[in-house]
Amino acid sequence: MKYSKPAVPFPEQIQKLKDRGLSFQDEAVAEHTLSRISFYRLRAYTYPFQNNDDPNHPFIVDVDFETIIKLYKFDRKLRLLVFDAIEKIEIALRTQIIYHFALTHGSHWQTDPNLFRDIARFAKHLETLNKEVERSDETFIKHYKEKYSSPSQPPSWMSLEVASMGTLSKFYQNLKKSPEKETISRSFGLPKFFILENWMFCFSSLRNICAHHGRLWNRRLSAIPKLPYHTTNTFLSKAEINSIYANKLYATLCCVNYMLGEIDPNHHFKKKLKKLMAKCPLEQEKEMGFPEGWKDHPLWN
């Protein structure tokens, strides 16, 4: 089947939404908004309120355009808040991984295949890291290349500093079980290193969604966190873990909040999240997996 839908002018986009049952307080303002936020992008925010089995996609919830925009802006604020939190986690993880392995295995441990479980994956990840180093315009990378001829790659504290979080996550996951790996995990209050492996993957995936302006609200995440029953400090109980949806945002935010507590006990993420969620339009907390009374849970206090 050949795609044949034509581009639609802004006034016609508004009429299309009106025909589907969406109301407008000010159509002139709405037209300006649609010239800045595409109709197709907003479709992700109207979708849950429409009958999508009907080819005309009629609205089945009484909602107006302005409330949809409030939901869109709420999601943007949520995305920025989460992105900021993951930045702090990423920097802390990078620091701990580089530090412990460099102390034991030397400055260029990231190039030693004997430290890794899967040699084929190691070679692939090292190639990716080399490309990221080559693309970097950091002064310390340029200085190393100008001053040193061997090894060709800068030491771990330089090369992994410019690596993406995805690359860092893959390197850590592929490292063999070792005292260093366990020490890093325990430094974040996680007795089992495979939990940290999983959380790094989830945080990297969530970071990419935020970095590419993707939707967090109402999203089903493909990177699903493993939720441990036993942690050094307060997390979720076994009953609570079994009662929440691991593929919804709340589960991963619990992991984010736990990690931030280990990095900086005085962090403000949970306070900011509570304040933002109090303004969530259309009572959409449940759609993100937030259970009733979550704000009073010890993890969020």
C-alpha atoms as a PDB file:
ATOM      1  CA  MET A   1       0.000   0.000   0.000  1.00  0.00           C
ATOM      2  CA  LYS A   2       1.416   3.355  -1.057  1.00  0.00           C
ATOM      3  CA  TYR A   3       1.351   6.243   1.437  1.00  0.00           C
ATOM      4  CA  SER A   4      -0.675   9.063  -0.065  1.00  0.00           C
ATOM      5  CA  LYS A   5      -1.674  11.412   2.751  1.00  0.00           C
ATOM      6  CA  PRO A   6      -0.968  15.073   1.835  1.00  0.00           C
ATOM      7  CA  ALA A   7       0.485  17.779   4.069  1.00  0.00           C
ATOM      8  CA  VAL A   8      -2.275  19.712   5.867  1.00  0.00           C
ATOM      9  CA  PRO A   9      -2.239  23.523   6.456  1.00  0.00           C
ATOM     10  CA  PHE A  10      -2.490  24.676  10.075  1.00  0.00           C
ATOM     11  CA  PRO A  11      -6.129  25.908   9.881  1.00  0.00           C
ATOM     12  CA  GLU A  12      -7.141  22.539   8.455  1.00  0.00           C
ATOM     13  CA  GLN A  13      -5.264  20.774  11.246  1.00  0.00           C
ATOM     14  CA  ILE A  14      -7.407  22.665  13.756  1.00  0.00           C
ATOM     15  CA  GLN A  15     -10.573  21.816  11.866  1.00  0.00           C
ATOM     16  CA  LYS A  16      -9.561  18.155  11.781  1.00  0.00           C
ATOM     17  CA  LEU A  17      -9.140  18.148  15.579  1.00  0.00           C
ATOM     18  CA  LYS A  18     -12.467  19.944  16.018  1.00  0.00           C
ATOM     19  CA  ASP A  19     -14.188  17.372  13.824  1.00  0.00           C
ATOM     20  CA  ARG A  20     -12.765  14.685  16.077  1.00  0.00           C
ATOM     21  CA  GLY A  21     -14.250  16.365  19.147  1.00  0.00           C
ATOM     22  CA  LEU A  22     -11.378  18.419  20.567  1.00  0.00           C
ATOM     23  CA  SER A  23     -12.448  21.872  21.765  1.00  0.00           C
ATOM     24  CA  PHE A  24     -10.450  25.111  21.569  1.00  0.00           C
ATOM     25  CA  GLN A  25     -10.466  28.212  23.763  1.00  0.00           C
ATOM     26  CA  ASP A  26      -8.602  30.343  21.194  1.00  0.00           C
ATOM     27  CA  GLU A  27      -8.062  29.015  17.685  1.00  0.00           C
ATOM     28  CA  ALA A  28      -5.634  31.788  16.712  1.00  0.00           C
ATOM     29  CA  VAL A  29      -3.364  30.897  19.629  1.00  0.00           C
ATOM     30  CA  ALA A  30      -3.777  27.204  18.789  1.00  0.00           C
ATOM     31  CA  GLU A  31      -2.712  27.821  15.191  1.00  0.00           C
ATOM     32  CA  HIS A  32       0.412  29.601  16.402  1.00  0.00           C
ATOM     33  CA  THR A  33       1.119  26.702  18.779  1.00  0.00           C
ATOM     34  CA  LEU A  34       0.791  24.173  15.961  1.00  0.00           C
ATOM     35  CA  SER A  35       3.305  26.203  13.959  1.00  0.00           C
ATOM     36  CA  ARG A  36       5.814  25.591  16.784  1.00  0.00           C
ATOM     37  CA  ILE A  37       4.810  22.088  17.927  1.00  0.00           C
ATOM     38  CA  SER A  38       3.860  19.782  15.101  1.00  0.00           C
ATOM     39  CA  PHE A  39       0.465  18.145  14.805  1.00  0.00           C
ATOM     40  CA  TYR A  40       2.187  14.757  14.537  1.00  0.00           C
ATOM     41  CA  ARG A  41       4.229  15.344  17.702  1.00  0.00           C
ATOM     42  CA  LEU A  42       1.094  16.295  19.644  1.00  0.00           C
ATOM     43  CA  ARG A  43      -0.630  13.149  18.387  1.00  0.00           C
ATOM     44  CA  ALA A  44       1.260  11.198  21.066  1.00  0.00           C
ATOM     45  CA  TYR A  45      -0.444  13.351  23.703  1.00  0.00           C
ATOM     46  CA  THR A  46      -3.960  13.105  22.270  1.00  0.00           C
ATOM     47  CA  TYR A  47      -3.796   9.393  21.423  1.00  0.00           C
ATOM     48  CA  PRO A  48      -4.898   8.012  24.838  1.00  0.00           C
ATOM     49  CA  PHE A  49      -7.999  10.221  24.792  1.00  0.00           C
ATOM     50  CA  GLN A  50      -9.204   9.040  21.370  1.00  0.00           C
ATOM     51  CA  ASN A  51     -10.859   5.939  19.970  1.00  0.00           C
ATOM     52  CA  ASN A  52      -8.002   4.752  17.806  1.00  0.00           C
ATOM     53  CA  ASP A  53      -9.871   1.722  16.523  1.00  0.00           C
ATOM     54  CA  ASP A  54     -12.063   4.162  14.603  1.00  0.00           C
ATOM     55  CA  PRO A  55     -10.270   5.503  11.474  1.00  0.00           C
ATOM     56  CA  ASN A  56     -11.602   8.984  12.322  1.00  0.00           C
ATOM     57  CA  HIS A  57      -9.972   8.885  15.808  1.00  0.00           C
ATOM     58  CA  PRO A  58     -12.826  10.624  17.680  1.00  0.00           C
ATOM     59  CA  PHE A  59     -12.117  11.928  21.168  1.00  0.00           C
ATOM     60  CA  ILE A  60     -13.764   9.839  23.880  1.00  0.00           C
ATOM     61  CA  VAL A  61     -12.694  12.141  26.738  1.00  0.00           C
ATOM     62  CA  ASP A  62     -13.934  15.696  27.183  1.00  0.00           C
ATOM     63  CA  VAL A  63     -10.690  17.597  26.787  1.00  0.00           C
ATOM     64  CA  ASP A  64      -9.573  20.808  25.118  1.00  0.00           C
ATOM     65  CA  PHE A  65      -6.484  21.729  23.117  1.00  0.00           C
ATOM     66  CA  GLU A  66      -5.117  23.928  25.887  1.00  0.00           C
ATOM     67  CA  THR A  67      -5.120  21.035  28.371  1.00  0.00           C
ATOM     68  CA  ILE A  68      -3.274  18.854  25.864  1.00  0.00           C
ATOM     69  CA  ILE A  69      -0.634  21.585  25.619  1.00  0.00           C
ATOM     70  CA  LYS A  70      -0.402  21.678  29.433  1.00  0.00           C
ATOM     71  CA  LEU A  71       0.255  17.941  29.357  1.00  0.00           C
ATOM     72  CA  TYR A  72       2.892  18.447  26.668  1.00  0.00           C
ATOM     73  CA  LYS A  73       4.622  21.161  28.747  1.00  0.00           C
ATOM     74  CA  PHE A  74       4.418  19.004  31.871  1.00  0.00           C
ATOM     75  CA  ASP A  75       6.173  16.208  29.994  1.00  0.00           C
ATOM     76  CA  ARG A  76       8.903  18.615  28.891  1.00  0.00           C
ATOM     77  CA  LYS A  77       9.533  19.688  32.499  1.00  0.00           C
ATOM     78  CA  LEU A  78       9.585  16.059  33.585  1.00  0.00           C
ATOM     79  CA  ARG A  79      12.078  15.233  30.846  1.00  0.00           C
ATOM     80  CA  LEU A  80      14.404  18.082  31.867  1.00  0.00           C
ATOM     81  CA  LEU A  81      14.217  17.067  35.529  1.00  0.00           C
ATOM     82  CA  VAL A  82      15.064  13.441  34.743  1.00  0.00           C
ATOM     83  CA  PHE A  83      17.857  14.415  32.343  1.00  0.00           C
ATOM     84  CA  ASP A  84      19.478  16.552  35.032  1.00  0.00           C
ATOM     85  CA  ALA A  85      19.252  13.696  37.552  1.00  0.00           C
ATOM     86  CA  ILE A  86      20.815  11.171  35.169  1.00  0.00           C
ATOM     87  CA  GLU A  87      23.681  13.567  34.458  1.00  0.00           C
ATOM     88  CA  LYS A  88      24.669  13.422  38.134  1.00  0.00           C
ATOM     89  CA  ILE A  89      24.432   9.622  38.130  1.00  0.00           C
ATOM     90  CA  GLU A  90      26.436   9.310  34.918  1.00  0.00           C
ATOM     91  CA  ILE A  91      29.290  11.445  36.237  1.00  0.00           C
ATOM     92  CA  ALA A  92      29.427   9.483  39.505  1.00  0.00           C
ATOM     93  CA  LEU A  93      29.403   6.127  37.689  1.00  0.00           C
ATOM     94  CA  ARG A  94      32.107   7.252  35.279  1.00  0.00           C
ATOM     95  CA  THR A  95      34.285   8.398  38.178  1.00  0.00           C
ATOM     96  CA  GLN A  96      33.951   5.177  40.177  1.00  0.00           C
ATOM     97  CA  ILE A  97      34.516   2.835  37.219  1.00  0.00           C
ATOM     98  CA  ILE A  98      37.597   4.651  35.964  1.00  0.00           C
ATOM     99  CA  TYR A  99      39.059   5.068  39.467  1.00  0.00           C
ATOM    100  CA  HIS A 100      38.818   1.494  40.737  1.00  0.00           C
ATOM    101  CA  PHE A 101      39.940  -0.230  37.550  1.00  0.00           C
ATOM    102  CA  ALA A 102      42.790   2.220  36.873  1.00  0.00           C
ATOM    103  CA  LEU A 103      44.162   1.795  40.406  1.00  0.00           C
ATOM    104  CA  THR A 104      44.332  -1.977  39.999  1.00  0.00           C
ATOM    105  CA  HIS A 105      44.889  -2.504  36.275  1.00  0.00           C
ATOM    106  CA  GLY A 106      46.675   0.628  35.130  1.00  0.00           C
ATOM    107  CA  SER A 107      45.930   3.703  33.078  1.00  0.00           C
ATOM    108  CA  HIS A 108      44.802   1.865  29.915  1.00  0.00           C
ATOM    109  CA  TRP A 109      42.790  -0.962  31.450  1.00  0.00           C
ATOM    110  CA  GLN A 110      39.934  -0.294  28.992  1.00  0.00           C
ATOM    111  CA  THR A 111      42.116  -1.742  26.198  1.00  0.00           C
ATOM    112  CA  ASP A 112      42.930  -5.010  28.019  1.00  0.00           C
ATOM    113  CA  PRO A 113      40.793  -7.866  26.616  1.00  0.00           C
ATOM    114  CA  ASN A 114      41.655 -10.091  29.596  1.00  0.00           C
ATOM    115  CA  LEU A 115      39.351  -8.013  31.803  1.00  0.00           C
ATOM    116  CA  PHE A 116      36.265  -8.667  29.691  1.00  0.00           C
ATOM    117  CA  ARG A 117      33.848 -11.574  29.388  1.00  0.00           C
ATOM    118  CA  ASP A 118      33.065 -11.461  25.669  1.00  0.00           C
ATOM    119  CA  ILE A 119      36.067 -10.655  23.470  1.00  0.00           C
ATOM    120  CA  ALA A 120      33.985 -10.014  20.340  1.00  0.00           C
ATOM    121  CA  ARG A 121      31.820  -7.499  22.197  1.00  0.00           C
ATOM    122  CA  PHE A 122      34.935  -5.978  23.758  1.00  0.00           C
ATOM    123  CA  ALA A 123      36.449  -5.386  20.307  1.00  0.00           C
ATOM    124  CA  LYS A 124      33.220  -3.805  19.079  1.00  0.00           C
ATOM    125  CA  HIS A 125      32.923  -1.541  22.128  1.00  0.00           C
ATOM    126  CA  LEU A 126      36.581  -0.529  21.922  1.00  0.00           C
ATOM    127  CA  GLU A 127      36.106   0.428  18.277  1.00  0.00           C
ATOM    128  CA  THR A 128      33.133   2.588  19.280  1.00  0.00           C
ATOM    129  CA  LEU A 129      35.173   4.188  22.049  1.00  0.00           C
ATOM    130  CA  ASN A 130      38.020   4.953  19.632  1.00  0.00           C
ATOM    131  CA  LYS A 131      35.562   6.716  17.320  1.00  0.00           C
ATOM    132  CA  GLU A 132      34.171   8.768  20.202  1.00  0.00           C
ATOM    133  CA  VAL A 133      37.698   9.773  21.218  1.00  0.00           C
ATOM    134  CA  GLU A 134      38.490  10.749  17.618  1.00  0.00           C
ATOM    135  CA  ARG A 135      35.364  12.912  17.431  1.00  0.00           C
ATOM    136  CA  SER A 136      36.139  14.691  20.692  1.00  0.00           C
ATOM    137  CA  ASP A 137      37.417  18.251  20.644  1.00  0.00           C
ATOM    138  CA  GLU A 138      38.340  18.261  24.330  1.00  0.00           C
ATOM    139  CA  THR A 139      41.646  20.007  25.039  1.00  0.00           C
ATOM    140  CA  PHE A 140      43.007  17.118  27.102  1.00  0.00           C
ATOM    141  CA  ILE A 141      42.447  14.705  24.202  1.00  0.00           C
ATOM    142  CA  LYS A 142      44.240  17.024  21.770  1.00  0.00           C
ATOM    143  CA  HIS A 143      47.096  17.478  24.237  1.00  0.00           C
ATOM    144  CA  TYR A 144      47.567  13.718  24.621  1.00  0.00           C
ATOM    145  CA  LYS A 145      47.665  13.150  20.862  1.00  0.00           C
ATOM    146  CA  GLU A 146      50.195  15.952  20.378  1.00  0.00           C
ATOM    147  CA  LYS A 147      52.503  14.855  23.198  1.00  0.00           C
ATOM    148  CA  TYR A 148      52.314  11.037  23.264  1.00  0.00           C
ATOM    149  CA  SER A 149      52.661   8.497  20.483  1.00  0.00           C
ATOM    150  CA  SER A 150      52.074   5.348  22.530  1.00  0.00           C
ATOM    151  CA  PRO A 151      49.616   3.992  23.478  1.00  0.00           C
ATOM    152  CA  SER A 152      47.582   5.449  20.636  1.00  0.00           C
ATOM    153  CA  GLN A 153      44.484   5.762  22.825  1.00  0.00           C
ATOM    154  CA  PRO A 154      44.522   8.161  25.809  1.00  0.00           C
ATOM    155  CA  PRO A 155      44.324   6.707  29.340  1.00  0.00           C
ATOM    156  CA  SER A 156      40.978   5.594  30.735  1.00  0.00           C
ATOM    157  CA  TRP A 157      40.397   8.817  32.659  1.00  0.00           C
ATOM    158  CA  MET A 158      40.573  10.717  29.373  1.00  0.00           C
ATOM    159  CA  SER A 159      39.014   8.338  26.848  1.00  0.00           C
ATOM    160  CA  LEU A 160      36.114   7.176  29.028  1.00  0.00           C
ATOM    161  CA  GLU A 161      35.495  10.756  30.063  1.00  0.00           C
ATOM    162  CA  VAL A 162      34.390  11.536  26.511  1.00  0.00           C
ATOM    163  CA  ALA A 163      32.550   8.238  25.999  1.00  0.00           C
ATOM    164  CA  SER A 164      28.769   8.232  25.787  1.00  0.00           C
ATOM    165  CA  MET A 165      26.823   6.793  28.690  1.00  0.00           C
ATOM    166  CA  GLY A 166      25.752   3.954  26.402  1.00  0.00           C
ATOM    167  CA  THR A 167      29.374   3.023  25.704  1.00  0.00           C
ATOM    168  CA  LEU A 168      30.290   3.278  29.379  1.00  0.00           C
ATOM    169  CA  SER A 169      27.345   1.033  30.244  1.00  0.00           C
ATOM    170  CA  LYS A 170      28.420  -1.582  27.688  1.00  0.00           C
ATOM    171  CA  PHE A 171      32.007  -1.583  28.956  1.00  0.00           C
ATOM    172  CA  TYR A 172      30.884  -2.088  32.557  1.00  0.00           C
ATOM    173  CA  GLN A 173      28.388  -4.818  31.671  1.00  0.00           C
ATOM    174  CA  ASN A 174      31.024  -6.780  29.753  1.00  0.00           C
ATOM    175  CA  LEU A 175      33.658  -6.629  32.503  1.00  0.00           C
ATOM    176  CA  LYS A 176      34.308  -9.930  34.237  1.00  0.00           C
ATOM    177  CA  LYS A 177      33.195 -10.398  37.825  1.00  0.00           C
ATOM    178  CA  SER A 178      35.931  -8.894  39.963  1.00  0.00           C
ATOM    179  CA  PRO A 179      36.570  -7.225  43.337  1.00  0.00           C
ATOM    180  CA  GLU A 180      36.657  -3.870  41.545  1.00  0.00           C
ATOM    181  CA  LYS A 181      33.267  -4.412  39.958  1.00  0.00           C
ATOM    182  CA  GLU A 182      31.732  -5.439  43.255  1.00  0.00           C
ATOM    183  CA  THR A 183      33.308  -2.453  45.037  1.00  0.00           C
ATOM    184  CA  ILE A 184      31.786  -0.069  42.492  1.00  0.00           C
ATOM    185  CA  SER A 185      28.357  -1.628  42.934  1.00  0.00           C
ATOM    186  CA  ARG A 186      28.551  -1.479  46.733  1.00  0.00           C
ATOM    187  CA  SER A 187      29.603   2.175  46.576  1.00  0.00           C
ATOM    188  CA  PHE A 188      26.119   2.856  45.196  1.00  0.00           C
ATOM    189  CA  GLY A 189      24.347   0.767  47.830  1.00  0.00           C
ATOM    190  CA  LEU A 190      23.786  -2.223  45.539  1.00  0.00           C
ATOM    191  CA  PRO A 191      25.224  -5.501  46.910  1.00  0.00           C
ATOM    192  CA  LYS A 192      24.904  -7.255  43.524  1.00  0.00           C
ATOM    193  CA  PHE A 193      26.905  -5.899  40.576  1.00  0.00           C
ATOM    194  CA  PHE A 194      24.460  -7.284  38.003  1.00  0.00           C
ATOM    195  CA  ILE A 195      21.817  -4.903  39.367  1.00  0.00           C
ATOM    196  CA  LEU A 196      24.077  -1.952  38.618  1.00  0.00           C
ATOM    197  CA  GLU A 197      24.750  -3.375  35.142  1.00  0.00           C
ATOM    198  CA  ASN A 198      21.018  -3.393  34.492  1.00  0.00           C
ATOM    199  CA  TRP A 199      20.408   0.033  36.004  1.00  0.00           C
ATOM    200  CA  MET A 200      23.175   1.592  33.898  1.00  0.00           C
ATOM    201  CA  PHE A 201      21.506   0.213  30.783  1.00  0.00           C
ATOM    202  CA  CYS A 202      18.114   1.572  31.904  1.00  0.00           C
ATOM    203  CA  PHE A 203      19.536   4.988  32.769  1.00  0.00           C
ATOM    204  CA  SER A 204      21.325   5.161  29.420  1.00  0.00           C
ATOM    205  CA  SER A 205      18.105   4.329  27.580  1.00  0.00           C
ATOM    206  CA  LEU A 206      16.125   6.884  29.608  1.00  0.00           C
ATOM    207  CA  ARG A 207      18.805   9.517  29.034  1.00  0.00           C
ATOM    208  CA  ASN A 208      18.595   8.956  25.273  1.00  0.00           C
ATOM    209  CA  ILE A 209      14.825   9.465  25.334  1.00  0.00           C
ATOM    210  CA  CYS A 210      15.299  12.747  27.186  1.00  0.00           C
ATOM    211  CA  ALA A 211      18.180  13.901  24.986  1.00  0.00           C
ATOM    212  CA  HIS A 212      16.122  13.339  21.844  1.00  0.00           C
ATOM    213  CA  HIS A 213      13.059  15.112  23.275  1.00  0.00           C
ATOM    214  CA  GLY A 214      11.059  11.917  23.472  1.00  0.00           C
ATOM    215  CA  ARG A 215       7.870  11.459  25.461  1.00  0.00           C
ATOM    216  CA  LEU A 216       8.165  10.208  29.048  1.00  0.00           C
ATOM    217  CA  TRP A 217       4.531  10.583  30.033  1.00  0.00           C
ATOM    218  CA  ASN A 218       2.520   7.431  29.403  1.00  0.00           C
ATOM    219  CA  ARG A 219       5.519   5.667  27.849  1.00  0.00           C
ATOM    220  CA  ARG A 220       6.169   1.946  28.151  1.00  0.00           C
ATOM    221  CA  LEU A 221       9.913   1.629  28.545  1.00  0.00           C
ATOM    222  CA  SER A 222      11.784  -1.082  26.675  1.00  0.00           C
ATOM    223  CA  ALA A 223      14.698  -1.015  29.150  1.00  0.00           C
ATOM    224  CA  ILE A 224      13.151  -2.582  32.239  1.00  0.00           C
ATOM    225  CA  PRO A 225      14.950  -2.253  35.597  1.00  0.00           C
ATOM    226  CA  LYS A 226      15.621  -5.176  37.885  1.00  0.00           C
ATOM    227  CA  LEU A 227      14.189  -4.208  41.254  1.00  0.00           C
ATOM    228  CA  PRO A 228      16.219  -5.692  44.132  1.00  0.00           C
ATOM    229  CA  TYR A 229      14.659  -6.872  47.384  1.00  0.00           C
ATOM    230  CA  HIS A 230      17.820  -6.258  49.396  1.00  0.00           C
ATOM    231  CA  THR A 231      19.683  -2.960  49.184  1.00  0.00           C
ATOM    232  CA  THR A 232      22.013  -1.178  51.571  1.00  0.00           C
ATOM    233  CA  ASN A 233      19.495   1.579  52.182  1.00  0.00           C
ATOM    234  CA  THR A 234      15.739   2.040  51.824  1.00  0.00           C
ATOM    235  CA  PHE A 235      14.300   1.001  48.478  1.00  0.00           C
ATOM    236  CA  LEU A 236      11.045  -0.884  47.809  1.00  0.00           C
ATOM    237  CA  SER A 237       9.721  -3.917  49.654  1.00  0.00           C
ATOM    238  CA  LYS A 238       9.108  -7.225  47.891  1.00  0.00           C
ATOM    239  CA  ALA A 239       5.338  -6.648  48.013  1.00  0.00           C
ATOM    240  CA  GLU A 240       5.735  -3.142  46.544  1.00  0.00           C
ATOM    241  CA  ILE A 241       7.992  -4.418  43.779  1.00  0.00           C
ATOM    242  CA  ASN A 242       5.421  -7.036  42.858  1.00  0.00           C
ATOM    243  CA  SER A 243       2.633  -4.460  42.750  1.00  0.00           C
ATOM    244  CA  ILE A 244       4.152  -1.900  40.356  1.00  0.00           C
ATOM    245  CA  TYR A 245       4.686  -2.018  36.591  1.00  0.00           C
ATOM    246  CA  ALA A 246       8.405  -2.360  35.907  1.00  0.00           C
ATOM    247  CA  ASN A 247       7.996  -1.061  32.337  1.00  0.00           C
ATOM    248  CA  LYS A 248       6.410   2.219  33.447  1.00  0.00           C
ATOM    249  CA  LEU A 249       8.368   5.324  34.376  1.00  0.00           C
ATOM    250  CA  TYR A 250       7.825   5.178  38.141  1.00  0.00           C
ATOM    251  CA  ALA A 251       9.901   2.010  38.561  1.00  0.00           C
ATOM    252  CA  THR A 252      12.948   3.527  36.874  1.00  0.00           C
ATOM    253  CA  LEU A 253      12.493   6.797  38.762  1.00  0.00           C
ATOM    254  CA  CYS A 254      12.687   4.801  42.001  1.00  0.00           C
ATOM    255  CA  CYS A 255      16.091   3.549  40.840  1.00  0.00           C
ATOM    256  CA  VAL A 256      17.156   7.070  39.869  1.00  0.00           C
ATOM    257  CA  ASN A 257      16.103   8.414  43.255  1.00  0.00           C
ATOM    258  CA  TYR A 258      17.904   5.616  45.105  1.00  0.00           C
ATOM    259  CA  MET A 259      21.148   6.247  43.206  1.00  0.00           C
ATOM    260  CA  LEU A 260      20.961   9.985  43.821  1.00  0.00           C
ATOM    261  CA  GLY A 261      20.545   9.302  47.539  1.00  0.00           C
ATOM    262  CA  GLU A 262      23.789   7.306  47.494  1.00  0.00           C
ATOM    263  CA  ILE A 263      25.605  10.023  45.536  1.00  0.00           C
ATOM    264  CA  ASP A 264      24.275  13.055  47.404  1.00  0.00           C
ATOM    265  CA  PRO A 265      21.980  12.577  50.418  1.00  0.00           C
ATOM    266  CA  ASN A 266      20.977  16.250  50.135  1.00  0.00           C
ATOM    267  CA  HIS A 267      19.820  16.055  46.520  1.00  0.00           C
ATOM    268  CA  HIS A 268      16.584  17.811  45.532  1.00  0.00           C
ATOM    269  CA  PHE A 269      15.279  15.439  42.859  1.00  0.00           C
ATOM    270  CA  LYS A 270      12.520  13.885  44.953  1.00  0.00           C
ATOM    271  CA  LYS A 271      11.353  17.282  46.191  1.00  0.00           C
ATOM    272  CA  LYS A 272      11.226  18.650  42.640  1.00  0.00           C
ATOM    273  CA  LEU A 273       9.490  15.538  41.333  1.00  0.00           C
ATOM    274  CA  LYS A 274       6.775  15.733  44.003  1.00  0.00           C
ATOM    275  CA  LYS A 275       6.205  19.396  43.187  1.00  0.00           C
ATOM    276  CA  LEU A 276       5.980  18.690  39.451  1.00  0.00           C
ATOM    277  CA  MET A 277       3.713  15.664  39.831  1.00  0.00           C
ATOM    278  CA  ALA A 278       1.305  17.744  41.919  1.00  0.00           C
ATOM    279  CA  LYS A 279       0.660  19.750  38.724  1.00  0.00           C
ATOM    280  CA  CYS A 280       0.260  16.760  36.401  1.00  0.00           C
ATOM    281  CA  PRO A 281      -2.728  17.458  34.101  1.00  0.00           C
ATOM    282  CA  LEU A 282      -5.650  15.085  33.648  1.00  0.00           C
ATOM    283  CA  GLU A 283      -4.736  12.985  36.715  1.00  0.00           C
ATOM    284  CA  GLN A 284      -2.168  11.046  34.744  1.00  0.00           C
ATOM    285  CA  GLU A 285       0.048   9.805  37.616  1.00  0.00           C
ATOM    286  CA  LYS A 286      -1.360   6.293  37.280  1.00  0.00           C
ATOM    287  CA  GLU A 287      -0.487   6.186  33.573  1.00  0.00           C
ATOM    288  CA  MET A 288       3.178   6.585  34.527  1.00  0.00           C
ATOM    289  CA  GLY A 289       2.974   3.822  37.113  1.00  0.00           C
ATOM    290  CA  PHE A 290       2.852   5.980  40.235  1.00  0.00           C
ATOM    291  CA  PRO A 291       0.943   4.078  42.960  1.00  0.00           C
ATOM    292  CA  GLU A 292      -1.368   5.763  45.418  1.00  0.00           C
ATOM    293  CA  GLY A 293       0.493   7.269  48.366  1.00  0.00           C
ATOM    294  CA  TRP A 294       3.896   7.114  46.669  1.00  0.00           C
ATOM    295  CA  LYS A 295       4.920  10.505  48.048  1.00  0.00           C
ATOM    296  CA  ASP A 296       4.728   9.160  51.609  1.00  0.00           C
ATOM    297  CA  HIS A 297       6.930   6.135  50.938  1.00  0.00           C
ATOM    298  CA  PRO A 298      10.265   6.167  52.869  1.00  0.00           C
ATOM    299  CA  LEU A 299      12.151   6.115  49.552  1.00  0.00           C
ATOM    300  CA  TRP A 300      10.606   9.477  48.657  1.00  0.00           C
ATOM    301  CA  ASN A 301      10.985  10.999  52.115  1.00  0.00           C
END
